[in-house]
């Protein structure tokens, strides 16, 4: 398991959730949580100093649970995304958001996804369906990440270390549009 307070992960792109699930089950992954909707809001001060320093403060709501997360970069170069990560459950997310607002934080970015959780080789595996497409996140020990990625047919050169926000910004720049939030369209746009 990765050190306490540290997140080690990669993303892998898939054409569809069905393809990702078929490949995960074929290599022996076990489903640990059914598909559920997630709504995530990143908070920052005006001018985005947290983002500029590679840090984030997130309130996530999913499956009747809410979690406050802080992430920060870990100095060095890695073949996986490595970050400091601290999380705590929130019994009253609305109260936490009022506290954050009272401290000067403002909601700066919102992203949504559907997530199905799996486990294999001691890894936490997430099948994420986003408005950008389908991705599998592998989180845990680096050697286990590399082993499972290889079993899924992905070499190190195909690892994605970007956040969903960074991926969205790259796509928006390529299309010449403003990125905005990463949310499903109202009225049935959810996969």
N, C-alpha and C. Protein backbone atom coordinates (compact mmCIF):
# COMPACT_ATOMS: atom_id res chain seq x y z
N UNK A 1 0.85 -1.18 0.00
CA UNK A 1 0.00 0.00 0.00
C UNK A 1 0.89 1.24 0.00
N UNK A 2 0.41 2.30 -0.65
CA UNK A 2 1.20 3.52 -0.70
C UNK A 2 1.29 4.15 0.69
N UNK A 3 2.33 4.95 0.93
CA UNK A 3 2.52 5.55 2.26
C UNK A 3 1.29 6.36 2.68
N UNK A 4 1.00 6.41 3.99
CA UNK A 4 -0.14 7.20 4.45
C UNK A 4 -0.02 8.65 3.98
N UNK A 5 -1.13 9.19 3.50
CA UNK A 5 -1.11 10.57 3.05
C UNK A 5 -0.50 10.76 1.68
N UNK A 6 -0.28 9.67 0.94
CA UNK A 6 0.31 9.77 -0.39
C UNK A 6 -0.55 9.00 -1.39
N UNK A 7 -0.79 9.61 -2.52
CA UNK A 7 -1.57 8.99 -3.60
C UNK A 7 -0.62 8.73 -4.76
N UNK A 8 -0.61 7.49 -5.25
CA UNK A 8 0.18 7.11 -6.41
C UNK A 8 -0.79 6.50 -7.40
N UNK A 9 -0.91 7.10 -8.59
CA UNK A 9 -1.92 6.61 -9.53
C UNK A 9 -1.57 6.96 -10.96
N UNK A 10 -2.31 6.33 -11.88
CA UNK A 10 -2.29 6.66 -13.31
C UNK A 10 -3.72 6.53 -13.83
N UNK A 11 -3.95 7.11 -15.00
CA UNK A 11 -5.19 6.90 -15.73
C UNK A 11 -4.87 6.18 -17.04
N UNK A 12 -5.82 5.37 -17.49
CA UNK A 12 -5.71 4.68 -18.77
C UNK A 12 -6.98 4.95 -19.56
N UNK A 13 -6.89 5.33 -20.84
CA UNK A 13 -8.09 5.63 -21.62
C UNK A 13 -8.72 4.36 -22.22
N UNK A 14 -10.03 4.35 -22.23
CA UNK A 14 -10.77 3.24 -22.86
C UNK A 14 -11.85 3.81 -23.76
N UNK A 15 -12.22 3.06 -24.80
CA UNK A 15 -13.24 3.51 -25.75
C UNK A 15 -14.62 3.56 -25.12
N UNK A 16 -14.86 2.68 -24.13
CA UNK A 16 -16.18 2.64 -23.49
C UNK A 16 -16.07 2.00 -22.12
N UNK A 17 -17.08 2.22 -21.30
CA UNK A 17 -17.14 1.59 -19.98
C UNK A 17 -17.29 0.07 -20.13
N UNK A 18 -18.05 -0.36 -21.13
CA UNK A 18 -18.23 -1.80 -21.35
C UNK A 18 -16.90 -2.48 -21.66
N UNK A 19 -16.10 -1.85 -22.52
CA UNK A 19 -14.78 -2.42 -22.85
C UNK A 19 -13.89 -2.45 -21.61
N UNK A 20 -13.88 -1.37 -20.85
CA UNK A 20 -13.04 -1.32 -19.65
C UNK A 20 -13.46 -2.40 -18.65
N UNK A 21 -14.76 -2.52 -18.42
CA UNK A 21 -15.22 -3.53 -17.45
C UNK A 21 -14.90 -4.94 -17.93
N UNK A 22 -15.10 -5.21 -19.20
CA UNK A 22 -14.79 -6.54 -19.75
C UNK A 22 -13.32 -6.87 -19.54
N UNK A 23 -12.45 -5.92 -19.82
CA UNK A 23 -11.00 -6.17 -19.67
C UNK A 23 -10.60 -6.29 -18.21
N UNK A 24 -11.20 -5.47 -17.33
CA UNK A 24 -10.90 -5.59 -15.89
C UNK A 24 -11.31 -6.95 -15.35
N UNK A 25 -12.51 -7.39 -15.68
CA UNK A 25 -12.99 -8.69 -15.18
C UNK A 25 -12.16 -9.83 -15.77
N UNK A 26 -11.73 -9.69 -17.02
CA UNK A 26 -10.94 -10.74 -17.67
C UNK A 26 -9.59 -10.96 -16.99
N UNK A 27 -9.03 -9.92 -16.36
CA UNK A 27 -7.74 -10.09 -15.68
C UNK A 27 -7.92 -10.40 -14.19
N UNK A 28 -9.18 -10.56 -13.76
CA UNK A 28 -9.42 -10.98 -12.38
C UNK A 28 -9.81 -9.88 -11.40
N UNK A 29 -10.07 -8.66 -11.88
CA UNK A 29 -10.48 -7.59 -10.97
C UNK A 29 -11.84 -7.95 -10.37
N UNK A 30 -12.03 -7.52 -9.13
CA UNK A 30 -13.28 -7.78 -8.40
C UNK A 30 -13.98 -6.46 -8.15
N UNK A 31 -15.27 -6.40 -8.50
CA UNK A 31 -16.04 -5.17 -8.27
C UNK A 31 -16.26 -5.00 -6.77
N UNK A 32 -15.94 -3.79 -6.26
CA UNK A 32 -16.10 -3.52 -4.83
C UNK A 32 -17.18 -2.47 -4.56
N UNK A 33 -17.59 -1.73 -5.59
CA UNK A 33 -18.69 -0.76 -5.42
C UNK A 33 -19.34 -0.55 -6.77
N UNK A 34 -20.66 -0.63 -6.77
CA UNK A 34 -21.42 -0.42 -8.01
C UNK A 34 -21.27 1.01 -8.50
N UNK A 35 -21.63 1.20 -9.73
CA UNK A 35 -21.57 2.51 -10.40
C UNK A 35 -22.38 3.54 -9.61
N UNK A 36 -21.72 4.69 -9.34
CA UNK A 36 -22.42 5.78 -8.67
C UNK A 36 -21.95 7.11 -9.22
N UNK A 37 -22.85 8.08 -9.13
CA UNK A 37 -22.59 9.42 -9.63
C UNK A 37 -21.77 10.20 -8.60
N UNK A 38 -20.78 10.95 -9.08
CA UNK A 38 -19.95 11.83 -8.23
C UNK A 38 -20.07 13.26 -8.72
N UNK A 39 -20.16 14.16 -7.77
CA UNK A 39 -20.12 15.59 -8.06
C UNK A 39 -19.00 16.19 -7.22
N UNK A 40 -18.05 16.83 -7.87
CA UNK A 40 -16.85 17.35 -7.22
C UNK A 40 -16.74 18.85 -7.44
N UNK A 41 -16.41 19.57 -6.37
CA UNK A 41 -16.21 21.01 -6.48
C UNK A 41 -14.85 21.36 -5.88
N UNK A 42 -14.01 22.02 -6.69
CA UNK A 42 -12.71 22.49 -6.21
C UNK A 42 -12.87 23.92 -5.71
N UNK A 43 -12.29 24.18 -4.55
CA UNK A 43 -12.35 25.51 -3.94
C UNK A 43 -10.95 26.12 -3.94
N UNK A 44 -10.89 27.42 -4.14
CA UNK A 44 -9.62 28.14 -4.13
C UNK A 44 -9.92 29.58 -3.73
N UNK A 45 -8.86 30.32 -3.48
CA UNK A 45 -9.01 31.76 -3.24
C UNK A 45 -9.10 32.46 -4.58
N UNK A 46 -9.65 33.67 -4.63
CA UNK A 46 -9.61 34.44 -5.87
C UNK A 46 -8.16 34.53 -6.37
N UNK A 47 -8.01 34.38 -7.67
CA UNK A 47 -6.67 34.38 -8.27
C UNK A 47 -6.07 32.99 -8.35
N UNK A 48 -6.71 31.99 -7.75
CA UNK A 48 -6.32 30.58 -7.83
C UNK A 48 -4.90 30.27 -7.35
N UNK A 49 -4.49 30.74 -6.16
CA UNK A 49 -3.13 30.43 -5.69
C UNK A 49 -2.92 28.94 -5.39
N UNK A 50 -3.95 28.23 -4.95
CA UNK A 50 -3.77 26.78 -4.73
C UNK A 50 -3.46 26.09 -6.04
N UNK A 51 -4.26 26.37 -7.04
CA UNK A 51 -4.05 25.75 -8.35
C UNK A 51 -2.68 26.09 -8.91
N UNK A 52 -2.26 27.35 -8.77
CA UNK A 52 -0.97 27.78 -9.30
C UNK A 52 0.19 27.01 -8.66
N UNK A 53 -0.02 26.57 -7.42
CA UNK A 53 1.04 25.82 -6.72
C UNK A 53 0.84 24.31 -6.82
N UNK A 54 -0.13 23.86 -7.62
CA UNK A 54 -0.37 22.44 -7.79
C UNK A 54 -1.18 21.79 -6.68
N UNK A 55 -1.78 22.61 -5.82
CA UNK A 55 -2.58 22.07 -4.72
C UNK A 55 -4.07 22.17 -5.06
N UNK A 56 -4.88 21.38 -4.35
CA UNK A 56 -6.32 21.51 -4.52
C UNK A 56 -7.03 21.21 -3.22
N UNK A 57 -8.22 21.78 -3.10
CA UNK A 57 -9.12 21.54 -1.98
C UNK A 57 -10.47 21.20 -2.60
N UNK A 58 -10.95 19.97 -2.35
CA UNK A 58 -12.13 19.46 -3.04
C UNK A 58 -13.19 18.98 -2.06
N UNK A 59 -14.44 19.26 -2.39
CA UNK A 59 -15.57 18.64 -1.71
C UNK A 59 -16.22 17.70 -2.73
N UNK A 60 -16.26 16.41 -2.38
CA UNK A 60 -16.84 15.38 -3.27
C UNK A 60 -18.10 14.83 -2.62
N UNK A 61 -19.15 14.73 -3.43
CA UNK A 61 -20.39 14.08 -3.00
C UNK A 61 -20.61 12.88 -3.91
N UNK A 62 -20.83 11.71 -3.30
CA UNK A 62 -21.05 10.48 -4.07
C UNK A 62 -21.75 9.46 -3.19
N UNK A 63 -22.79 8.87 -3.72
CA UNK A 63 -23.45 7.77 -3.03
C UNK A 63 -23.89 8.08 -1.61
N UNK A 64 -24.34 9.30 -1.36
CA UNK A 64 -24.79 9.67 -0.02
C UNK A 64 -23.67 10.00 0.94
N UNK A 65 -22.43 9.98 0.46
CA UNK A 65 -21.26 10.32 1.27
C UNK A 65 -20.66 11.61 0.75
N UNK A 66 -19.96 12.32 1.62
CA UNK A 66 -19.22 13.51 1.21
C UNK A 66 -17.83 13.46 1.85
N UNK A 67 -16.84 13.95 1.10
CA UNK A 67 -15.45 13.89 1.55
C UNK A 67 -14.76 15.21 1.21
N UNK A 68 -13.98 15.72 2.16
CA UNK A 68 -13.11 16.87 1.93
C UNK A 68 -11.72 16.33 1.65
N UNK A 69 -11.11 16.78 0.56
CA UNK A 69 -9.78 16.29 0.15
C UNK A 69 -8.85 17.46 -0.09
N UNK A 70 -7.62 17.31 0.40
CA UNK A 70 -6.53 18.23 0.09
C UNK A 70 -5.47 17.42 -0.64
N UNK A 71 -4.96 17.95 -1.77
CA UNK A 71 -3.88 17.31 -2.52
C UNK A 71 -2.80 18.34 -2.81
N UNK A 72 -1.55 17.86 -2.86
CA UNK A 72 -0.41 18.72 -3.17
C UNK A 72 0.64 17.90 -3.90
N UNK A 73 1.47 18.55 -4.70
CA UNK A 73 2.51 17.81 -5.42
C UNK A 73 3.58 17.27 -4.48
N UNK A 74 4.23 16.21 -4.94
CA UNK A 74 5.40 15.65 -4.25
C UNK A 74 6.60 15.96 -5.14
N UNK A 75 7.61 16.64 -4.62
CA UNK A 75 8.78 16.97 -5.46
C UNK A 75 9.42 15.72 -6.05
N UNK A 76 9.93 15.85 -7.26
CA UNK A 76 10.61 14.75 -7.93
C UNK A 76 9.91 14.39 -9.22
N UNK A 77 10.56 13.49 -9.97
CA UNK A 77 9.99 13.00 -11.22
C UNK A 77 9.63 11.54 -11.05
N UNK A 78 8.43 11.19 -11.52
CA UNK A 78 7.89 9.85 -11.35
C UNK A 78 7.21 9.40 -12.63
N UNK A 79 7.12 8.09 -12.83
CA UNK A 79 6.39 7.59 -13.99
C UNK A 79 4.90 7.49 -13.69
N UNK A 80 4.53 7.67 -12.42
CA UNK A 80 3.14 7.71 -11.97
C UNK A 80 2.86 9.11 -11.43
N UNK A 81 1.59 9.44 -11.28
CA UNK A 81 1.23 10.70 -10.62
C UNK A 81 1.34 10.43 -9.11
N UNK A 82 2.17 11.23 -8.43
CA UNK A 82 2.40 11.06 -7.00
C UNK A 82 2.04 12.38 -6.32
N UNK A 83 1.15 12.29 -5.34
CA UNK A 83 0.69 13.50 -4.66
C UNK A 83 0.47 13.22 -3.18
N UNK A 84 0.63 14.26 -2.39
CA UNK A 84 0.18 14.23 -1.00
C UNK A 84 -1.34 14.24 -1.06
N UNK A 85 -1.98 13.42 -0.24
CA UNK A 85 -3.45 13.40 -0.21
C UNK A 85 -3.93 13.18 1.21
N UNK A 86 -4.79 14.06 1.66
CA UNK A 86 -5.43 13.92 2.97
C UNK A 86 -6.93 14.07 2.76
N UNK A 87 -7.69 13.14 3.32
CA UNK A 87 -9.13 13.16 3.17
C UNK A 87 -9.82 12.98 4.52
N UNK A 88 -11.02 13.55 4.61
CA UNK A 88 -11.84 13.31 5.80
C UNK A 88 -13.30 13.32 5.38
N UNK A 89 -14.08 12.39 5.96
CA UNK A 89 -15.51 12.38 5.65
C UNK A 89 -16.19 13.63 6.19
N UNK A 90 -17.21 14.07 5.49
CA UNK A 90 -17.99 15.24 5.91
C UNK A 90 -19.41 14.79 6.21
N UNK A 91 -19.85 15.03 7.40
CA UNK A 91 -21.23 14.72 7.74
C UNK A 91 -22.16 15.84 7.28
N UNK A 92 -21.61 17.06 7.19
CA UNK A 92 -22.42 18.21 6.79
C UNK A 92 -21.66 19.01 5.72
N UNK A 93 -21.69 18.53 4.46
CA UNK A 93 -20.92 19.21 3.41
C UNK A 93 -21.36 20.65 3.19
N UNK A 94 -22.64 20.95 3.35
CA UNK A 94 -23.09 22.33 3.16
C UNK A 94 -22.46 23.25 4.21
N UNK A 95 -22.35 22.76 5.44
CA UNK A 95 -21.71 23.55 6.50
C UNK A 95 -20.23 23.77 6.17
N UNK A 96 -19.56 22.71 5.68
CA UNK A 96 -18.15 22.86 5.31
C UNK A 96 -18.00 23.88 4.20
N UNK A 97 -18.90 23.89 3.24
CA UNK A 97 -18.79 24.87 2.17
C UNK A 97 -19.01 26.29 2.70
N UNK A 98 -19.88 26.46 3.69
CA UNK A 98 -20.05 27.79 4.30
C UNK A 98 -18.80 28.20 5.06
N UNK A 99 -18.16 27.24 5.74
CA UNK A 99 -16.90 27.52 6.45
C UNK A 99 -15.83 27.94 5.45
N UNK A 100 -15.72 27.19 4.35
CA UNK A 100 -14.72 27.54 3.33
C UNK A 100 -14.98 28.94 2.78
N UNK A 101 -16.26 29.26 2.54
CA UNK A 101 -16.61 30.59 2.06
C UNK A 101 -16.25 31.66 3.07
N UNK A 102 -16.47 31.37 4.36
CA UNK A 102 -16.12 32.32 5.41
C UNK A 102 -14.63 32.56 5.51
N UNK A 103 -13.84 31.58 5.08
CA UNK A 103 -12.38 31.72 5.08
C UNK A 103 -11.86 32.37 3.80
N UNK A 104 -12.76 32.67 2.87
CA UNK A 104 -12.35 33.34 1.64
C UNK A 104 -12.25 32.43 0.43
N UNK A 105 -12.51 31.14 0.60
CA UNK A 105 -12.49 30.23 -0.54
C UNK A 105 -13.76 30.42 -1.37
N UNK A 106 -13.63 30.19 -2.68
CA UNK A 106 -14.78 30.23 -3.56
C UNK A 106 -14.76 28.98 -4.45
N UNK A 107 -15.94 28.48 -4.84
CA UNK A 107 -15.96 27.36 -5.79
C UNK A 107 -15.35 27.82 -7.11
N UNK A 108 -14.35 27.10 -7.60
CA UNK A 108 -13.65 27.53 -8.81
C UNK A 108 -13.83 26.58 -9.99
N UNK A 109 -14.15 25.30 -9.70
CA UNK A 109 -14.25 24.33 -10.79
C UNK A 109 -15.09 23.16 -10.31
N UNK A 110 -15.95 22.69 -11.19
CA UNK A 110 -16.82 21.56 -10.86
C UNK A 110 -16.64 20.48 -11.92
N UNK A 111 -16.53 19.23 -11.47
CA UNK A 111 -16.48 18.13 -12.43
C UNK A 111 -17.29 16.96 -11.91
N UNK A 112 -17.86 16.22 -12.86
CA UNK A 112 -18.73 15.10 -12.54
C UNK A 112 -18.25 13.85 -13.26
N UNK A 113 -18.63 12.72 -12.68
CA UNK A 113 -18.34 11.44 -13.31
C UNK A 113 -19.20 10.36 -12.68
N UNK A 114 -19.27 9.25 -13.36
CA UNK A 114 -19.82 8.03 -12.79
C UNK A 114 -18.62 7.13 -12.50
N UNK A 115 -18.59 6.55 -11.31
CA UNK A 115 -17.44 5.74 -10.92
C UNK A 115 -17.92 4.36 -10.44
N UNK A 116 -17.25 3.33 -10.94
CA UNK A 116 -17.43 1.97 -10.47
C UNK A 116 -16.08 1.53 -9.91
N UNK A 117 -16.07 0.94 -8.72
CA UNK A 117 -14.80 0.59 -8.06
C UNK A 117 -14.52 -0.90 -8.15
N UNK A 118 -13.24 -1.21 -8.33
CA UNK A 118 -12.75 -2.59 -8.41
C UNK A 118 -11.50 -2.71 -7.57
N UNK A 119 -11.04 -3.95 -7.40
CA UNK A 119 -9.80 -4.21 -6.67
C UNK A 119 -9.06 -5.35 -7.35
N UNK A 120 -7.74 -5.24 -7.37
CA UNK A 120 -6.89 -6.31 -7.91
C UNK A 120 -5.45 -5.99 -7.52
N UNK A 121 -4.71 -7.00 -7.09
CA UNK A 121 -3.28 -6.83 -6.76
C UNK A 121 -3.07 -5.74 -5.71
N UNK A 122 -4.04 -5.55 -4.81
CA UNK A 122 -3.92 -4.54 -3.77
C UNK A 122 -4.18 -3.12 -4.25
N UNK A 123 -4.59 -2.98 -5.50
CA UNK A 123 -4.87 -1.66 -6.06
C UNK A 123 -6.32 -1.27 -5.86
N UNK A 124 -6.55 0.03 -5.70
CA UNK A 124 -7.89 0.59 -5.83
C UNK A 124 -8.03 0.96 -7.30
N UNK A 125 -9.02 0.38 -7.95
CA UNK A 125 -9.23 0.60 -9.38
C UNK A 125 -10.58 1.29 -9.56
N UNK A 126 -10.59 2.36 -10.32
CA UNK A 126 -11.83 3.09 -10.58
C UNK A 126 -12.07 3.15 -12.08
N UNK A 127 -13.26 2.74 -12.48
CA UNK A 127 -13.71 2.91 -13.85
C UNK A 127 -14.53 4.19 -13.86
N UNK A 128 -14.00 5.24 -14.48
CA UNK A 128 -14.64 6.55 -14.49
C UNK A 128 -15.23 6.87 -15.85
N UNK A 129 -16.52 7.18 -15.87
CA UNK A 129 -17.19 7.66 -17.07
C UNK A 129 -17.37 9.16 -16.90
N UNK A 130 -16.71 9.93 -17.75
CA UNK A 130 -16.71 11.39 -17.63
C UNK A 130 -17.27 11.99 -18.93
N UNK A 131 -17.58 13.27 -18.92
CA UNK A 131 -17.98 13.91 -20.18
C UNK A 131 -16.86 13.90 -21.23
N UNK A 132 -15.62 13.63 -20.82
CA UNK A 132 -14.49 13.54 -21.76
C UNK A 132 -14.32 12.15 -22.33
N UNK A 133 -14.90 11.15 -21.68
CA UNK A 133 -14.72 9.77 -22.11
C UNK A 133 -14.53 8.87 -20.91
N UNK A 134 -14.08 7.66 -21.18
CA UNK A 134 -13.95 6.63 -20.15
C UNK A 134 -12.47 6.40 -19.81
N UNK A 135 -12.19 6.32 -18.51
CA UNK A 135 -10.83 6.11 -18.04
C UNK A 135 -10.85 5.10 -16.89
N UNK A 136 -9.76 4.38 -16.76
CA UNK A 136 -9.55 3.51 -15.59
C UNK A 136 -8.39 4.11 -14.81
N UNK A 137 -8.62 4.35 -13.52
CA UNK A 137 -7.56 4.82 -12.63
C UNK A 137 -7.05 3.64 -11.82
N UNK A 138 -5.75 3.50 -11.78
CA UNK A 138 -5.09 2.49 -10.95
C UNK A 138 -4.35 3.23 -9.85
N UNK A 139 -4.66 2.92 -8.58
CA UNK A 139 -4.03 3.61 -7.46
C UNK A 139 -3.49 2.60 -6.46
N UNK A 140 -2.23 2.80 -6.07
CA UNK A 140 -1.59 1.92 -5.09
C UNK A 140 -0.09 1.87 -5.30
N UNK A 141 0.48 0.71 -5.05
CA UNK A 141 1.93 0.53 -5.18
C UNK A 141 2.36 0.60 -6.64
N UNK A 142 3.48 1.28 -6.93
CA UNK A 142 3.93 1.43 -8.32
C UNK A 142 4.10 0.12 -9.08
N UNK A 143 4.70 -0.90 -8.46
CA UNK A 143 4.90 -2.17 -9.17
C UNK A 143 3.58 -2.83 -9.52
N UNK A 144 2.60 -2.74 -8.62
CA UNK A 144 1.28 -3.32 -8.89
C UNK A 144 0.57 -2.53 -9.99
N UNK A 145 0.73 -1.20 -9.99
CA UNK A 145 0.15 -0.39 -11.05
C UNK A 145 0.70 -0.83 -12.40
N UNK A 146 2.03 -0.96 -12.49
CA UNK A 146 2.66 -1.34 -13.76
C UNK A 146 2.20 -2.74 -14.19
N UNK A 147 2.09 -3.67 -13.25
CA UNK A 147 1.67 -5.04 -13.57
C UNK A 147 0.25 -5.05 -14.13
N UNK A 148 -0.67 -4.38 -13.45
CA UNK A 148 -2.07 -4.39 -13.90
C UNK A 148 -2.22 -3.61 -15.21
N UNK A 149 -1.51 -2.50 -15.35
CA UNK A 149 -1.56 -1.76 -16.61
C UNK A 149 -1.10 -2.64 -17.76
N UNK A 150 -0.03 -3.39 -17.56
CA UNK A 150 0.47 -4.30 -18.60
C UNK A 150 -0.56 -5.38 -18.91
N UNK A 151 -1.20 -5.93 -17.88
CA UNK A 151 -2.25 -6.94 -18.10
C UNK A 151 -3.40 -6.37 -18.92
N UNK A 152 -3.66 -5.08 -18.76
CA UNK A 152 -4.72 -4.41 -19.53
C UNK A 152 -4.24 -3.99 -20.92
N UNK A 153 -2.94 -4.19 -21.20
CA UNK A 153 -2.40 -3.89 -22.51
C UNK A 153 -1.83 -2.50 -22.67
N UNK A 154 -1.48 -1.85 -21.55
CA UNK A 154 -0.98 -0.48 -21.61
C UNK A 154 0.49 -0.41 -21.19
N UNK A 155 1.38 0.06 -22.08
CA UNK A 155 2.76 0.32 -21.69
C UNK A 155 2.86 1.64 -20.92
N UNK A 156 3.98 1.87 -20.27
CA UNK A 156 4.20 3.10 -19.50
C UNK A 156 3.98 4.33 -20.38
N UNK A 157 4.31 4.25 -21.65
CA UNK A 157 4.17 5.40 -22.54
C UNK A 157 2.72 5.86 -22.72
N UNK A 158 1.75 5.03 -22.35
CA UNK A 158 0.33 5.39 -22.49
C UNK A 158 -0.29 5.83 -21.18
N UNK A 159 0.51 5.87 -20.11
CA UNK A 159 -0.01 6.33 -18.82
C UNK A 159 -0.42 7.80 -18.95
N UNK A 160 -1.55 8.14 -18.36
CA UNK A 160 -2.00 9.53 -18.28
C UNK A 160 -1.80 9.98 -16.84
N UNK A 161 -1.03 11.06 -16.66
CA UNK A 161 -0.76 11.60 -15.33
C UNK A 161 -1.54 12.89 -15.08
N UNK A 162 -2.25 13.35 -16.08
CA UNK A 162 -3.01 14.60 -15.97
C UNK A 162 -4.28 14.39 -15.15
N UNK A 163 -4.76 15.49 -14.58
CA UNK A 163 -6.06 15.49 -13.91
C UNK A 163 -7.15 15.60 -14.98
N UNK A 164 -8.39 15.34 -14.57
CA UNK A 164 -9.49 15.52 -15.51
C UNK A 164 -9.58 16.99 -15.94
N UNK A 165 -9.30 17.89 -15.05
CA UNK A 165 -9.33 19.31 -15.39
C UNK A 165 -8.28 19.63 -16.46
N UNK A 166 -7.08 19.10 -16.31
CA UNK A 166 -6.03 19.33 -17.30
C UNK A 166 -6.41 18.72 -18.65
N UNK A 167 -6.99 17.52 -18.62
CA UNK A 167 -7.41 16.88 -19.87
C UNK A 167 -8.49 17.72 -20.56
N UNK A 168 -9.43 18.24 -19.78
CA UNK A 168 -10.49 19.06 -20.33
C UNK A 168 -9.92 20.35 -20.92
N UNK A 169 -8.97 20.97 -20.22
CA UNK A 169 -8.37 22.21 -20.72
C UNK A 169 -7.59 21.96 -22.02
N UNK A 170 -6.91 20.82 -22.11
CA UNK A 170 -6.20 20.48 -23.34
C UNK A 170 -7.17 20.32 -24.50
N UNK A 171 -8.28 19.62 -24.26
CA UNK A 171 -9.28 19.42 -25.32
C UNK A 171 -9.90 20.76 -25.72
N UNK A 172 -10.24 21.59 -24.74
CA UNK A 172 -10.84 22.90 -25.05
C UNK A 172 -9.88 23.76 -25.86
N UNK A 173 -8.60 23.75 -25.50
CA UNK A 173 -7.60 24.53 -26.25
C UNK A 173 -7.50 24.04 -27.69
N UNK A 174 -7.54 22.73 -27.88
CA UNK A 174 -7.47 22.17 -29.23
C UNK A 174 -8.69 22.58 -30.06
N UNK A 175 -9.84 22.74 -29.40
CA UNK A 175 -11.06 23.14 -30.09
C UNK A 175 -11.23 24.65 -30.17
N UNK A 176 -10.37 25.39 -29.44
CA UNK A 176 -10.46 26.84 -29.43
C UNK A 176 -11.67 27.37 -28.67
N UNK A 177 -12.05 26.65 -27.60
CA UNK A 177 -13.20 27.07 -26.78
C UNK A 177 -12.76 27.20 -25.32
N UNK A 178 -13.57 27.90 -24.53
CA UNK A 178 -13.29 28.02 -23.09
C UNK A 178 -13.64 26.69 -22.42
N UNK A 179 -12.82 26.22 -21.46
CA UNK A 179 -13.08 24.91 -20.87
C UNK A 179 -14.30 24.84 -19.96
N UNK A 180 -14.56 25.85 -19.14
CA UNK A 180 -15.69 25.78 -18.22
C UNK A 180 -15.60 24.61 -17.27
N UNK A 181 -16.72 24.24 -16.66
CA UNK A 181 -16.78 23.08 -15.77
C UNK A 181 -16.91 21.81 -16.60
N UNK A 182 -16.58 20.67 -16.01
CA UNK A 182 -16.67 19.37 -16.68
C UNK A 182 -17.89 18.65 -16.10
N UNK A 183 -19.05 18.98 -16.65
CA UNK A 183 -20.31 18.42 -16.14
C UNK A 183 -21.11 17.83 -17.29
N UNK A 184 -21.95 16.88 -16.93
CA UNK A 184 -22.82 16.27 -17.93
C UNK A 184 -23.92 17.26 -18.31
N UNK A 185 -24.33 17.21 -19.55
CA UNK A 185 -25.40 18.09 -20.01
C UNK A 185 -26.69 17.75 -19.29
N UNK A 186 -27.48 18.77 -19.01
CA UNK A 186 -28.78 18.56 -18.39
C UNK A 186 -29.70 17.85 -19.38
N UNK A 187 -30.66 17.13 -18.84
CA UNK A 187 -31.66 16.51 -19.69
C UNK A 187 -31.20 15.24 -20.36
N UNK A 188 -30.45 14.41 -19.65
CA UNK A 188 -30.13 13.10 -20.19
C UNK A 188 -28.77 12.98 -20.81
N UNK A 189 -27.90 13.96 -20.65
CA UNK A 189 -26.57 13.86 -21.21
C UNK A 189 -25.65 12.92 -20.47
N UNK A 190 -26.11 12.38 -19.35
CA UNK A 190 -25.26 11.47 -18.56
C UNK A 190 -25.22 10.10 -19.19
N UNK A 191 -24.03 9.48 -19.22
CA UNK A 191 -23.94 8.13 -19.81
C UNK A 191 -24.66 7.11 -18.96
